[in-house]
Amino acid sequence: MKAFRNKKLYQRRAEILKALAHPSRLLMVDVLNERGELCVCDLIKVVGSDQSTVSKHLSILRQSGIIDHRRNGKNSMYRLTRPCVMSFFACIEQVMKENLKEQRELLAS
């Protein structure tokens, strides 16, 4: 039997997944992937939440290493540092499609 990896690895994976586990944060990752670097003011408009809420979400994503920021005068500019998460999103959507297919087949029978 193959030995399991270090438990710290699983803990870190869980932390990253928790950072992504909010619709607003998923939206921000998608938008940063599509549009590139954006200021907080742009992300506030996209998400439709107040500045403190958006800033909290950005902080969580930044702590996980998914995004990074820089100062540009008075603005904080955010960018996606790990575009590989987009392939993870594609995998999630494939699971959703397969689940839907199975549910439809079950209902049809």
Protein backbone atom coordinates (compact mmCIF):
# COMPACT_ATOMS: atom_id res chain seq x y z
CA MET A 1 0.00 0.00 0.00
CA LYS A 2 1.31 3.40 -0.95
CA ALA A 3 2.28 5.53 2.03
CA PHE A 4 0.18 8.62 2.63
CA ARG A 5 1.80 11.99 2.29
CA ASN A 6 2.57 14.26 5.17
CA LYS A 7 -0.58 15.46 6.97
CA LYS A 8 0.68 19.06 6.68
CA LEU A 9 0.29 18.79 2.91
CA TYR A 10 -3.40 17.92 3.32
CA GLN A 11 -3.82 20.75 5.82
CA ARG A 12 -2.33 23.24 3.34
CA ARG A 13 -4.55 21.93 0.53
CA ALA A 14 -7.59 22.37 2.77
CA GLU A 15 -6.56 25.96 3.58
CA ILE A 16 -6.32 26.82 -0.11
CA LEU A 17 -9.67 25.18 -0.84
CA LYS A 18 -11.24 27.13 2.05
CA ALA A 19 -9.85 30.35 0.58
CA LEU A 20 -11.67 29.56 -2.68
CA ALA A 21 -14.85 28.39 -0.96
CA HIS A 22 -16.91 31.55 -1.37
CA PRO A 23 -18.84 32.71 -4.46
CA SER A 24 -17.44 36.25 -4.26
CA ARG A 25 -13.87 35.01 -4.08
CA LEU A 26 -14.45 32.65 -7.01
CA LEU A 27 -15.86 35.59 -8.97
CA MET A 28 -12.82 37.73 -8.13
CA VAL A 29 -10.43 34.99 -9.26
CA ASP A 30 -12.35 34.64 -12.54
CA VAL A 31 -12.35 38.39 -13.16
CA LEU A 32 -8.66 38.75 -12.34
CA ASN A 33 -7.93 35.91 -14.72
CA GLU A 34 -9.93 37.53 -17.53
CA ARG A 35 -9.01 41.17 -17.03
CA GLY A 36 -5.59 41.01 -15.42
CA GLU A 37 -4.61 43.42 -12.69
CA LEU A 38 -7.46 45.40 -11.10
CA CYS A 39 -7.84 47.87 -8.28
CA VAL A 40 -10.08 47.27 -5.29
CA CYS A 41 -12.53 49.84 -6.65
CA ASP A 42 -13.05 47.72 -9.80
CA LEU A 43 -13.52 44.55 -7.77
CA ILE A 44 -16.08 46.29 -5.54
CA LYS A 45 -18.15 47.06 -8.63
CA VAL A 46 -17.87 43.50 -9.93
CA VAL A 47 -18.71 41.81 -6.63
CA GLY A 48 -21.35 44.32 -5.57
CA SER A 49 -20.24 44.42 -1.94
CA ASP A 50 -18.81 47.17 0.23
CA GLN A 51 -15.09 47.88 0.40
CA SER A 52 -14.50 46.20 3.76
CA THR A 53 -16.13 42.95 2.60
CA VAL A 54 -14.19 42.90 -0.68
CA SER A 55 -10.95 43.73 1.14
CA LYS A 56 -11.54 40.85 3.55
CA HIS A 57 -12.07 38.44 0.64
CA LEU A 58 -8.94 39.74 -1.08
CA SER A 59 -6.94 39.28 2.12
CA ILE A 60 -8.03 35.64 2.35
CA LEU A 61 -7.06 35.01 -1.28
CA ARG A 62 -3.74 36.79 -0.79
CA GLN A 63 -2.89 34.80 2.35
CA SER A 64 -3.49 31.58 0.42
CA GLY A 65 -1.07 32.70 -2.32
CA ILE A 66 -3.68 32.75 -5.09
CA ILE A 67 -3.45 36.50 -5.67
CA ASP A 68 -0.96 39.24 -4.95
CA HIS A 69 -1.14 43.00 -4.73
CA ARG A 70 0.93 46.11 -5.16
CA ARG A 71 0.39 49.74 -4.31
CA ASN A 72 -0.16 52.23 -7.11
CA GLY A 73 -0.44 55.57 -5.38
CA LYS A 74 -3.54 55.35 -3.19
CA ASN A 75 -4.84 52.25 -4.99
CA SER A 76 -4.11 48.62 -4.22
CA MET A 77 -3.83 46.65 -7.44
CA TYR A 78 -4.57 42.92 -7.37
CA ARG A 79 -3.54 40.19 -9.79
CA LEU A 80 -3.89 36.45 -10.06
CA THR A 81 -0.58 34.75 -9.25
CA ARG A 82 -1.74 31.17 -9.68
CA PRO A 83 -3.67 30.91 -12.96
CA CYS A 84 -3.50 27.12 -12.58
CA VAL A 85 -6.60 27.41 -10.36
CA MET A 86 -8.56 27.96 -13.57
CA SER A 87 -7.88 24.35 -14.58
CA PHE A 88 -9.22 23.33 -11.18
CA PHE A 89 -12.38 25.33 -11.96
CA ALA A 90 -12.68 23.48 -15.27
CA CYS A 91 -12.44 20.19 -13.37
CA ILE A 92 -15.18 21.29 -10.95
CA GLU A 93 -17.43 22.20 -13.87
CA GLN A 94 -16.81 18.80 -15.45
CA VAL A 95 -17.87 17.13 -12.22
CA MET A 96 -21.01 19.31 -12.20
CA LYS A 97 -21.85 18.29 -15.78
CA GLU A 98 -21.33 14.59 -15.06
CA ASN A 99 -23.43 14.82 -11.90
CA LEU A 100 -26.21 16.54 -13.83
CA LYS A 101 -26.06 13.88 -16.54
CA GLU A 102 -26.33 11.12 -13.94
CA GLN A 103 -29.25 12.87 -12.22
CA ARG A 104 -31.11 13.28 -15.51
CA GLU A 105 -30.56 9.61 -16.34
CA LEU A 106 -31.81 8.62 -12.91
CA LEU A 107 -34.94 10.75 -13.27
CA ALA A 108 -35.60 9.40 -16.78
CA SER A 109 -35.56 5.78 -15.58
